Amino acid sequence: EEGIYDDDFKKLTESKLEELRKLRIEQPHLDGPITAE
């Protein structure tokens, strides 16, 4: 896979991530920080 992730792939991934953030789906058990426990 090395070298197949270019700037276009990065932009596509970031735009999909932004779309997911706009949905504002909250999952407290997944969104919180990882604890030492």
PDB file of all heavy atoms in Angstrom:
ATOM      1  N   GLU A   1       0.800  -1.216   0.000  1.00  0.00           N
ATOM      2  CA  GLU A   1       0.000   0.000   0.000  1.00  0.00           C
ATOM      3  C   GLU A   1       0.839   1.276   0.000  1.00  0.00           C
ATOM      4  O   GLU A   1       0.312   2.347  -0.258  1.00  0.00           O
ATOM      5  CB  GLU A   1      -0.892   0.031   1.234  1.00  0.00           C
ATOM      6  CG  GLU A   1      -1.908  -1.064   1.289  1.00  0.00           C
ATOM      7  CD  GLU A   1      -2.735  -0.992   2.547  1.00  0.00           C
ATOM      8  OE1 GLU A   1      -2.292  -0.364   3.526  1.00  0.00           O
ATOM      9  OE2 GLU A   1      -3.825  -1.551   2.551  1.00  0.00           O
ATOM     10  N   GLU A   2       2.102   1.159   0.304  1.00  0.00           N
ATOM     11  CA  GLU A   2       2.910   2.365   0.452  1.00  0.00           C
ATOM     12  C   GLU A   2       2.917   3.185  -0.830  1.00  0.00           C
ATOM     13  O   GLU A   2       3.120   2.672  -1.919  1.00  0.00           O
ATOM     14  CB  GLU A   2       4.349   2.002   0.833  1.00  0.00           C
ATOM     15  CG  GLU A   2       5.137   3.221   1.233  1.00  0.00           C
ATOM     16  CD  GLU A   2       6.442   2.867   1.912  1.00  0.00           C
ATOM     17  OE1 GLU A   2       6.427   1.986   2.766  1.00  0.00           O
ATOM     18  OE2 GLU A   2       7.455   3.477   1.560  1.00  0.00           O
ATOM     19  N   GLY A   3       2.672   4.455  -0.699  1.00  0.00           N
ATOM     20  CA  GLY A   3       2.708   5.355  -1.839  1.00  0.00           C
ATOM     21  C   GLY A   3       1.368   5.542  -2.528  1.00  0.00           C
ATOM     22  O   GLY A   3       1.254   6.368  -3.417  1.00  0.00           O
ATOM     23  N   ILE A   4       0.320   4.764  -2.150  1.00  0.00           N
ATOM     24  CA  ILE A   4      -0.962   4.924  -2.837  1.00  0.00           C
ATOM     25  C   ILE A   4      -1.818   6.008  -2.196  1.00  0.00           C
ATOM     26  O   ILE A   4      -2.851   6.369  -2.739  1.00  0.00           O
ATOM     27  CB  ILE A   4      -1.755   3.599  -2.902  1.00  0.00           C
ATOM     28  CG1 ILE A   4      -2.186   3.145  -1.519  1.00  0.00           C
ATOM     29  CG2 ILE A   4      -0.976   2.525  -3.616  1.00  0.00           C
ATOM     30  CD1 ILE A   4      -3.181   1.999  -1.548  1.00  0.00           C
ATOM     31  N   TYR A   5      -1.405   6.507  -1.038  1.00  0.00           N
ATOM     32  CA  TYR A   5      -2.170   7.544  -0.359  1.00  0.00           C
ATOM     33  C   TYR A   5      -1.561   8.907  -0.693  1.00  0.00           C
ATOM     34  O   TYR A   5      -0.581   9.315  -0.121  1.00  0.00           O
ATOM     35  CB  TYR A   5      -2.178   7.305   1.156  1.00  0.00           C
ATOM     36  CG  TYR A   5      -2.773   5.968   1.501  1.00  0.00           C
ATOM     37  CD1 TYR A   5      -1.997   4.952   2.023  1.00  0.00           C
ATOM     38  CD2 TYR A   5      -4.119   5.720   1.289  1.00  0.00           C
ATOM     39  CE1 TYR A   5      -2.560   3.732   2.335  1.00  0.00           C
ATOM     40  CE2 TYR A   5      -4.683   4.502   1.590  1.00  0.00           C
ATOM     41  CZ  TYR A   5      -3.894   3.502   2.121  1.00  0.00           C
ATOM     42  OH  TYR A   5      -4.450   2.298   2.412  1.00  0.00           O
ATOM     43  N   ASP A   6      -2.181   9.595  -1.615  1.00  0.00           N
ATOM     44  CA  ASP A   6      -1.680  10.884  -2.041  1.00  0.00           C
ATOM     45  C   ASP A   6      -2.571  12.004  -1.512  1.00  0.00           C
ATOM     46  O   ASP A   6      -3.464  11.775  -0.700  1.00  0.00           O
ATOM     47  CB  ASP A   6      -1.571  10.941  -3.569  1.00  0.00           C
ATOM     48  CG  ASP A   6      -2.892  10.616  -4.253  1.00  0.00           C
ATOM     49  OD1 ASP A   6      -3.930  10.526  -3.564  1.00  0.00           O
ATOM     50  OD2 ASP A   6      -2.892  10.458  -5.485  1.00  0.00           O
ATOM     51  N   ASP A   7      -2.340  13.218  -1.968  1.00  0.00           N
ATOM     52  CA  ASP A   7      -3.114  14.378  -1.505  1.00  0.00           C
ATOM     53  C   ASP A   7      -4.597  14.250  -1.834  1.00  0.00           C
ATOM     54  O   ASP A   7      -5.451  14.659  -1.048  1.00  0.00           O
ATOM     55  CB  ASP A   7      -2.549  15.666  -2.092  1.00  0.00           C
ATOM     56  CG  ASP A   7      -1.196  16.022  -1.491  1.00  0.00           C
ATOM     57  OD1 ASP A   7      -0.920  15.582  -0.355  1.00  0.00           O
ATOM     58  OD2 ASP A   7      -0.432  16.738  -2.156  1.00  0.00           O
ATOM     59  N   ASP A   8      -4.921  13.677  -3.003  1.00  0.00           N
ATOM     60  CA  ASP A   8      -6.333  13.511  -3.372  1.00  0.00           C
ATOM     61  C   ASP A   8      -7.043  12.566  -2.400  1.00  0.00           C
ATOM     62  O   ASP A   8      -8.172  12.816  -1.979  1.00  0.00           O
ATOM     63  CB  ASP A   8      -6.468  12.972  -4.803  1.00  0.00           C
ATOM     64  CG  ASP A   8      -6.038  13.990  -5.844  1.00  0.00           C
ATOM     65  OD1 ASP A   8      -6.095  15.206  -5.536  1.00  0.00           O
ATOM     66  OD2 ASP A   8      -5.647  13.578  -6.950  1.00  0.00           O
ATOM     67  N   PHE A   9      -6.361  11.490  -2.037  1.00  0.00           N
ATOM     68  CA  PHE A   9      -6.940  10.540  -1.087  1.00  0.00           C
ATOM     69  C   PHE A   9      -7.125  11.205   0.279  1.00  0.00           C
ATOM     70  O   PHE A   9      -8.143  11.005   0.940  1.00  0.00           O
ATOM     71  CB  PHE A   9      -6.061   9.296  -0.963  1.00  0.00           C
ATOM     72  CG  PHE A   9      -6.632   8.258  -0.044  1.00  0.00           C
ATOM     73  CD1 PHE A   9      -7.644   7.413  -0.474  1.00  0.00           C
ATOM     74  CD2 PHE A   9      -6.173   8.134   1.254  1.00  0.00           C
ATOM     75  CE1 PHE A   9      -8.187   6.459   0.379  1.00  0.00           C
ATOM     76  CE2 PHE A   9      -6.706   7.186   2.114  1.00  0.00           C
ATOM     77  CZ  PHE A   9      -7.721   6.341   1.671  1.00  0.00           C
ATOM     78  N   LYS A  10      -6.145  12.009   0.663  1.00  0.00           N
ATOM     79  CA  LYS A  10      -6.239  12.723   1.938  1.00  0.00           C
ATOM     80  C   LYS A  10      -7.450  13.661   1.940  1.00  0.00           C
ATOM     81  O   LYS A  10      -8.223  13.690   2.912  1.00  0.00           O
ATOM     82  CB  LYS A  10      -4.955  13.521   2.192  1.00  0.00           C
ATOM     83  CG  LYS A  10      -4.981  14.304   3.480  1.00  0.00           C
ATOM     84  CD  LYS A  10      -3.694  15.095   3.655  1.00  0.00           C
ATOM     85  CE  LYS A  10      -3.788  15.968   4.899  1.00  0.00           C
ATOM     86  NZ  LYS A  10      -2.620  16.815   5.071  1.00  0.00           N
ATOM     87  N   LYS A  11      -7.636  14.421   0.856  1.00  0.00           N
ATOM     88  CA  LYS A  11      -8.777  15.340   0.771  1.00  0.00           C
ATOM     89  C   LYS A  11     -10.105  14.587   0.812  1.00  0.00           C
ATOM     90  O   LYS A  11     -11.044  15.005   1.484  1.00  0.00           O
ATOM     91  CB  LYS A  11      -8.681  16.173  -0.511  1.00  0.00           C
ATOM     92  CG  LYS A  11      -7.581  17.204  -0.485  1.00  0.00           C
ATOM     93  CD  LYS A  11      -7.473  17.910  -1.815  1.00  0.00           C
ATOM     94  CE  LYS A  11      -6.246  18.817  -1.835  1.00  0.00           C
ATOM     95  NZ  LYS A  11      -6.005  19.385  -3.159  1.00  0.00           N
ATOM     96  N   LEU A  12     -10.187  13.470   0.107  1.00  0.00           N
ATOM     97  CA  LEU A  12     -11.397  12.659   0.101  1.00  0.00           C
ATOM     98  C   LEU A  12     -11.714  12.144   1.508  1.00  0.00           C
ATOM     99  O   LEU A  12     -12.852  12.232   1.978  1.00  0.00           O
ATOM    100  CB  LEU A  12     -11.243  11.483  -0.866  1.00  0.00           C
ATOM    101  CG  LEU A  12     -12.385  10.478  -0.904  1.00  0.00           C
ATOM    102  CD1 LEU A  12     -13.657  11.130  -1.437  1.00  0.00           C
ATOM    103  CD2 LEU A  12     -12.002   9.285  -1.747  1.00  0.00           C
ATOM    104  N   THR A  13     -10.702  11.647   2.183  1.00  0.00           N
ATOM    105  CA  THR A  13     -10.883  11.127   3.537  1.00  0.00           C
ATOM    106  C   THR A  13     -11.315  12.230   4.493  1.00  0.00           C
ATOM    107  O   THR A  13     -12.227  12.048   5.305  1.00  0.00           O
ATOM    108  CB  THR A  13      -9.588  10.476   4.036  1.00  0.00           C
ATOM    109  OG1 THR A  13      -9.198   9.456   3.107  1.00  0.00           O
ATOM    110  CG2 THR A  13      -9.767   9.860   5.403  1.00  0.00           C
ATOM    111  N   GLU A  14     -10.678  13.393   4.397  1.00  0.00           N
ATOM    112  CA  GLU A  14     -11.038  14.511   5.281  1.00  0.00           C
ATOM    113  C   GLU A  14     -12.451  15.011   5.001  1.00  0.00           C
ATOM    114  O   GLU A  14     -13.171  15.378   5.929  1.00  0.00           O
ATOM    115  CB  GLU A  14     -10.016  15.638   5.148  1.00  0.00           C
ATOM    116  CG  GLU A  14      -8.685  15.293   5.786  1.00  0.00           C
ATOM    117  CD  GLU A  14      -7.616  16.345   5.563  1.00  0.00           C
ATOM    118  OE1 GLU A  14      -7.801  17.217   4.689  1.00  0.00           O
ATOM    119  OE2 GLU A  14      -6.591  16.282   6.261  1.00  0.00           O
ATOM    120  N   SER A  15     -12.876  15.002   3.741  1.00  0.00           N
ATOM    121  CA  SER A  15     -14.235  15.450   3.434  1.00  0.00           C
ATOM    122  C   SER A  15     -15.270  14.462   3.979  1.00  0.00           C
ATOM    123  O   SER A  15     -16.310  14.871   4.501  1.00  0.00           O
ATOM    124  CB  SER A  15     -14.430  15.654   1.930  1.00  0.00           C
ATOM    125  OG  SER A  15     -14.393  14.425   1.246  1.00  0.00           O
ATOM    126  N   LYS A  16     -14.982  13.170   3.892  1.00  0.00           N
ATOM    127  CA  LYS A  16     -15.895  12.171   4.463  1.00  0.00           C
ATOM    128  C   LYS A  16     -15.960  12.308   5.983  1.00  0.00           C
ATOM    129  O   LYS A  16     -17.031  12.178   6.580  1.00  0.00           O
ATOM    130  CB  LYS A  16     -15.458  10.759   4.078  1.00  0.00           C
ATOM    131  CG  LYS A  16     -15.741  10.419   2.642  1.00  0.00           C
ATOM    132  CD  LYS A  16     -15.353   9.000   2.324  1.00  0.00           C
ATOM    133  CE  LYS A  16     -15.660   8.674   0.875  1.00  0.00           C
ATOM    134  NZ  LYS A  16     -15.351   7.284   0.555  1.00  0.00           N
ATOM    135  N   LEU A  17     -14.823  12.569   6.599  1.00  0.00           N
ATOM    136  CA  LEU A  17     -14.784  12.762   8.046  1.00  0.00           C
ATOM    137  C   LEU A  17     -15.606  13.984   8.443  1.00  0.00           C
ATOM    138  O   LEU A  17     -16.355  13.951   9.430  1.00  0.00           O
ATOM    139  CB  LEU A  17     -13.335  12.917   8.518  1.00  0.00           C
ATOM    140  CG  LEU A  17     -13.104  13.075  10.001  1.00  0.00           C
ATOM    141  CD1 LEU A  17     -13.681  11.897  10.777  1.00  0.00           C
ATOM    142  CD2 LEU A  17     -11.628  13.228  10.293  1.00  0.00           C
ATOM    143  N   GLU A  18     -15.508  15.047   7.677  1.00  0.00           N
ATOM    144  CA  GLU A  18     -16.290  16.254   7.954  1.00  0.00           C
ATOM    145  C   GLU A  18     -17.793  15.979   7.832  1.00  0.00           C
ATOM    146  O   GLU A  18     -18.588  16.447   8.647  1.00  0.00           O
ATOM    147  CB  GLU A  18     -15.873  17.388   7.013  1.00  0.00           C
ATOM    148  CG  GLU A  18     -16.473  18.724   7.359  1.00  0.00           C
ATOM    149  CD  GLU A  18     -16.111  19.196   8.759  1.00  0.00           C
ATOM    150  OE1 GLU A  18     -14.974  18.938   9.223  1.00  0.00           O
ATOM    151  OE2 GLU A  18     -16.974  19.823   9.413  1.00  0.00           O
ATOM    152  N   GLU A  19     -18.185  15.199   6.831  1.00  0.00           N
ATOM    153  CA  GLU A  19     -19.592  14.821   6.681  1.00  0.00           C
ATOM    154  C   GLU A  19     -20.074  14.048   7.911  1.00  0.00           C
ATOM    155  O   GLU A  19     -21.184  14.268   8.396  1.00  0.00           O
ATOM    156  CB  GLU A  19     -19.789  13.975   5.423  1.00  0.00           C
ATOM    157  CG  GLU A  19     -19.656  14.744   4.129  1.00  0.00           C
ATOM    158  CD  GLU A  19     -19.725  13.835   2.915  1.00  0.00           C
ATOM    159  OE1 GLU A  19     -20.285  12.719   3.018  1.00  0.00           O
ATOM    160  OE2 GLU A  19     -19.207  14.235   1.864  1.00  0.00           O
ATOM    161  N   LEU A  20     -19.249  13.146   8.402  1.00  0.00           N
ATOM    162  CA  LEU A  20     -19.623  12.381   9.594  1.00  0.00           C
ATOM    163  C   LEU A  20     -19.747  13.280  10.818  1.00  0.00           C
ATOM    164  O   LEU A  20     -20.632  13.094  11.651  1.00  0.00           O
ATOM    165  CB  LEU A  20     -18.597  11.272   9.856  1.00  0.00           C
ATOM    166  CG  LEU A  20     -18.593  10.119   8.854  1.00  0.00           C
ATOM    167  CD1 LEU A  20     -17.408   9.193   9.114  1.00  0.00           C
ATOM    168  CD2 LEU A  20     -19.899   9.350   8.909  1.00  0.00           C
ATOM    169  N   ARG A  21     -18.873  14.268  10.922  1.00  0.00           N
ATOM    170  CA  ARG A  21     -18.944  15.198  12.053  1.00  0.00           C
ATOM    171  C   ARG A  21     -20.229  16.025  12.009  1.00  0.00           C
ATOM    172  O   ARG A  21     -20.797  16.354  13.043  1.00  0.00           O
ATOM    173  CB  ARG A  21     -17.730  16.122  12.066  1.00  0.00           C
ATOM    174  CG  ARG A  21     -16.472  15.434  12.515  1.00  0.00           C
ATOM    175  CD  ARG A  21     -15.325  16.417  12.628  1.00  0.00           C
ATOM    176  NE  ARG A  21     -14.125  15.728  13.081  1.00  0.00           N
ATOM    177  CZ  ARG A  21     -12.918  15.919  12.570  1.00  0.00           C
ATOM    178  NH1 ARG A  21     -12.748  16.796  11.598  1.00  0.00           N
ATOM    179  NH2 ARG A  21     -11.889  15.259  13.036  1.00  0.00           N
ATOM    180  N   LYS A  22     -20.686  16.369  10.822  1.00  0.00           N
ATOM    181  CA  LYS A  22     -21.918  17.150  10.677  1.00  0.00           C
ATOM    182  C   LYS A  22     -23.138  16.361  11.143  1.00  0.00           C
ATOM    183  O   LYS A  22     -24.127  16.945  11.561  1.00  0.00           O
ATOM    184  CB  LYS A  22     -22.106  17.583   9.227  1.00  0.00           C
ATOM    185  CG  LYS A  22     -21.156  18.670   8.797  1.00  0.00           C
ATOM    186  CD  LYS A  22     -21.360  19.025   7.338  1.00  0.00           C
ATOM    187  CE  LYS A  22     -20.323  20.035   6.877  1.00  0.00           C
ATOM    188  NZ  LYS A  22     -20.445  20.325   5.442  1.00  0.00           N
ATOM    189  N   LEU A  23     -23.077  15.045  11.075  1.00  0.00           N
ATOM    190  CA  LEU A  23     -24.200  14.218  11.519  1.00  0.00           C
ATOM    191  C   LEU A  23     -24.377  14.275  13.038  1.00  0.00           C
ATOM    192  O   LEU A  23     -25.456  13.990  13.545  1.00  0.00           O
ATOM    193  CB  LEU A  23     -23.998  12.762  11.084  1.00  0.00           C
ATOM    194  CG  LEU A  23     -24.023  12.495   9.588  1.00  0.00           C
ATOM    195  CD1 LEU A  23     -23.698  11.026   9.319  1.00  0.00           C
ATOM    196  CD2 LEU A  23     -25.373  12.845   8.988  1.00  0.00           C
ATOM    197  N   ARG A  24     -23.329  14.653  13.730  1.00  0.00           N
ATOM    198  CA  ARG A  24     -23.345  14.793  15.188  1.00  0.00           C
ATOM    199  C   ARG A  24     -23.899  13.564  15.904  1.00  0.00           C
ATOM    200  O   ARG A  24     -24.715  13.659  16.805  1.00  0.00           O
ATOM    201  CB  ARG A  24     -24.116  16.036  15.607  1.00  0.00           C
ATOM    202  CG  ARG A  24     -23.462  17.310  15.176  1.00  0.00           C
ATOM    203  CD  ARG A  24     -24.086  18.482  15.904  1.00  0.00           C
ATOM    204  NE  ARG A  24     -23.467  19.721  15.486  1.00  0.00           N
ATOM    205  CZ  ARG A  24     -22.461  20.305  16.125  1.00  0.00           C
ATOM    206  NH1 ARG A  24     -21.971  19.776  17.195  1.00  0.00           N
ATOM    207  NH2 ARG A  24     -21.967  21.438  15.678  1.00  0.00           N
ATOM    208  N   ILE A  25     -23.478  12.414  15.459  1.00  0.00           N
ATOM    209  CA  ILE A  25     -23.865  11.174  16.133  1.00  0.00           C
ATOM    210  C   ILE A  25     -22.941  11.022  17.332  1.00  0.00           C
ATOM    211  O   ILE A  25     -21.720  10.969  17.188  1.00  0.00           O
ATOM    212  CB  ILE A  25     -23.728   9.957  15.195  1.00  0.00           C
ATOM    213  CG1 ILE A  25     -24.659  10.120  13.999  1.00  0.00           C
ATOM    214  CG2 ILE A  25     -24.019   8.669  15.951  1.00  0.00           C
ATOM    215  CD1 ILE A  25     -24.467   9.069  12.924  1.00  0.00           C
ATOM    216  N   GLU A  26     -23.535  10.973  18.503  1.00  0.00           N
ATOM    217  CA  GLU A  26     -22.730  10.860  19.715  1.00  0.00           C
ATOM    218  C   GLU A  26     -22.691   9.421  20.190  1.00  0.00           C
ATOM    219  O   GLU A  26     -23.718   8.744  20.252  1.00  0.00           O
ATOM    220  CB  GLU A  26     -23.297  11.757  20.812  1.00  0.00           C
ATOM    221  CG  GLU A  26     -23.130  13.220  20.498  1.00  0.00           C
ATOM    222  CD  GLU A  26     -23.519  14.096  21.660  1.00  0.00           C
ATOM    223  OE1 GLU A  26     -23.399  13.642  22.806  1.00  0.00           O
ATOM    224  OE2 GLU A  26     -23.936  15.223  21.402  1.00  0.00           O
ATOM    225  N   GLN A  27     -21.497   8.975  20.500  1.00  0.00           N
ATOM    226  CA  GLN A  27     -21.280   7.652  21.061  1.00  0.00           C
ATOM    227  C   GLN A  27     -20.313   7.811  22.227  1.00  0.00           C
ATOM    228  O   GLN A  27     -19.114   7.604  22.085  1.00  0.00           O
ATOM    229  CB  GLN A  27     -20.701   6.710  20.009  1.00  0.00           C
ATOM    230  CG  GLN A  27     -21.622   6.511  18.822  1.00  0.00           C
ATOM    231  CD  GLN A  27     -20.984   5.657  17.757  1.00  0.00           C
ATOM    232  OE1 GLN A  27     -19.776   5.632  17.585  1.00  0.00           O
ATOM    233  NE2 GLN A  27     -21.816   4.939  17.029  1.00  0.00           N
ATOM    234  N   PRO A  28     -20.836   8.207  23.386  1.00  0.00           N
ATOM    235  CA  PRO A  28     -19.964   8.528  24.518  1.00  0.00           C
ATOM    236  C   PRO A  28     -18.977   7.418  24.873  1.00  0.00           C
ATOM    237  O   PRO A  28     -17.832   7.685  25.212  1.00  0.00           O
ATOM    238  CB  PRO A  28     -20.929   8.773  25.667  1.00  0.00           C
ATOM    239  CG  PRO A  28     -22.264   8.988  25.055  1.00  0.00           C
ATOM    240  CD  PRO A  28     -22.244   8.341  23.719  1.00  0.00           C
ATOM    241  N   HIS A  29     -19.405   6.173  24.764  1.00  0.00           N
ATOM    242  CA  HIS A  29     -18.500   5.073  25.120  1.00  0.00           C
ATOM    243  C   HIS A  29     -17.369   4.901  24.111  1.00  0.00           C
ATOM    244  O   HIS A  29     -16.344   4.307  24.418  1.00  0.00           O
ATOM    245  CB  HIS A  29     -19.285   3.772  25.293  1.00  0.00           C
ATOM    246  CG  HIS A  29     -19.972   3.306  24.048  1.00  0.00           C
ATOM    247  ND1 HIS A  29     -21.130   3.891  23.588  1.00  0.00           N
ATOM    248  CD2 HIS A  29     -19.665   2.328  23.183  1.00  0.00           C
ATOM    249  CE1 HIS A  29     -21.507   3.280  22.468  1.00  0.00           C
ATOM    250  NE2 HIS A  29     -20.636   2.330  22.200  1.00  0.00           N
ATOM    251  N   LEU A  30     -17.528   5.438  22.907  1.00  0.00           N
ATOM    252  CA  LEU A  30     -16.466   5.362  21.902  1.00  0.00           C
ATOM    253  C   LEU A  30     -15.731   6.688  21.736  1.00  0.00           C
ATOM    254  O   LEU A  30     -14.550   6.702  21.369  1.00  0.00           O
ATOM    255  CB  LEU A  30     -17.050   4.947  20.550  1.00  0.00           C
ATOM    256  CG  LEU A  30     -17.672   3.560  20.470  1.00  0.00           C
ATOM    257  CD1 LEU A  30     -18.273   3.343  19.095  1.00  0.00           C
ATOM    258  CD2 LEU A  30     -16.652   2.485  20.779  1.00  0.00           C
ATOM    259  N   ASP A  31     -16.422   7.791  21.972  1.00  0.00           N
ATOM    260  CA  ASP A  31     -15.847   9.107  21.730  1.00  0.00           C
ATOM    261  C   ASP A  31     -14.955   9.600  22.867  1.00  0.00           C
ATOM    262  O   ASP A  31     -14.163  10.515  22.680  1.00  0.00           O
ATOM    263  CB  ASP A  31     -16.947  10.139  21.474  1.00  0.00           C
ATOM    264  CG  ASP A  31     -17.699   9.852  20.182  1.00  0.00           C
ATOM    265  OD1 ASP A  31     -17.117   9.197  19.303  1.00  0.00           O
ATOM    266  OD2 ASP A  31     -18.859  10.280  20.075  1.00  0.00           O
ATOM    267  N   GLY A  32     -15.083   9.028  24.049  1.00  0.00           N
ATOM    268  CA  GLY A  32     -14.299   9.480  25.190  1.00  0.00           C
ATOM    269  C   GLY A  32     -12.852   9.033  25.099  1.00  0.00           C
ATOM    270  O   GLY A  32     -12.487   8.196  24.263  1.00  0.00           O
ATOM    271  N   PRO A  33     -12.020   9.591  25.954  1.00  0.00           N
ATOM    272  CA  PRO A  33     -10.608   9.187  25.953  1.00  0.00           C
ATOM    273  C   PRO A  33     -10.449   7.751  26.468  1.00  0.00           C
ATOM    274  O   PRO A  33     -11.276   7.256  27.237  1.00  0.00           O
ATOM    275  CB  PRO A  33      -9.951  10.184  26.915  1.00  0.00           C
ATOM    276  CG  PRO A  33     -11.062  10.688  27.770  1.00  0.00           C
ATOM    277  CD  PRO A  33     -12.303  10.617  26.942  1.00  0.00           C
ATOM    278  N   ILE A  34      -9.401   7.101  26.022  1.00  0.00           N
ATOM    279  CA  ILE A  34      -9.084   5.746  26.491  1.00  0.00           C
ATOM    280  C   ILE A  34      -8.498   5.870  27.883  1.00  0.00           C
ATOM    281  O   ILE A  34      -7.563   6.635  28.105  1.00  0.00           O
ATOM    282  CB  ILE A  34      -8.094   5.058  25.531  1.00  0.00           C
ATOM    283  CG1 ILE A  34      -8.727   4.918  24.152  1.00  0.00           C
ATOM    284  CG2 ILE A  34      -7.677   3.702  26.083  1.00  0.00           C
ATOM    285  CD1 ILE A  34      -7.771   4.454  23.077  1.00  0.00           C
ATOM    286  N   THR A  35      -9.047   5.115  28.818  1.00  0.00           N
ATOM    287  CA  THR A  35      -8.593   5.206  30.204  1.00  0.00           C
ATOM    288  C   THR A  35      -7.516   4.176  30.495  1.00  0.00           C
ATOM    289  O   THR A  35      -7.376   3.175  29.779  1.00  0.00           O
ATOM    290  CB  THR A  35      -9.762   4.976  31.179  1.00  0.00           C
ATOM    291  OG1 THR A  35     -10.223   3.617  31.032  1.00  0.00           O
ATOM    292  CG2 THR A  35     -10.903   5.947  30.919  1.00  0.00           C
ATOM    293  N   ALA A  36      -6.776   4.420  31.554  1.00  0.00           N
ATOM    294  CA  ALA A  36      -5.743   3.466  31.987  1.00  0.00           C
ATOM    295  C   ALA A  36      -6.382   2.130  32.354  1.00  0.00           C
ATOM    296  O   ALA A  36      -5.815   1.069  32.092  1.00  0.00           O
ATOM    297  CB  ALA A  36      -4.967   4.036  33.169  1.00  0.00           C
ATOM    298  N   GLU A  37      -7.576   2.171  32.931  1.00  0.00           N
ATOM    299  CA  GLU A  37      -8.282   0.938  33.300  1.00  0.00           C
ATOM    300  C   GLU A  37      -8.620   0.107  32.063  1.00  0.00           C
ATOM    301  O   GLU A  37      -8.474  -1.122  32.068  1.00  0.00           O
ATOM    302  CB  GLU A  37      -9.563   1.271  34.078  1.00  0.00           C
ATOM    303  CG  GLU A  37     -10.351   0.072  34.508  1.00  0.00           C
ATOM    304  CD  GLU A  37      -9.617  -0.837  35.482  1.00  0.00           C
ATOM    305  OE1 GLU A  37      -8.748  -0.354  36.230  1.00  0.00           O
ATOM    306  OE2 GLU A  37      -9.917  -2.048  35.485  1.00  0.00           O
TER     307      GLU A  37
END
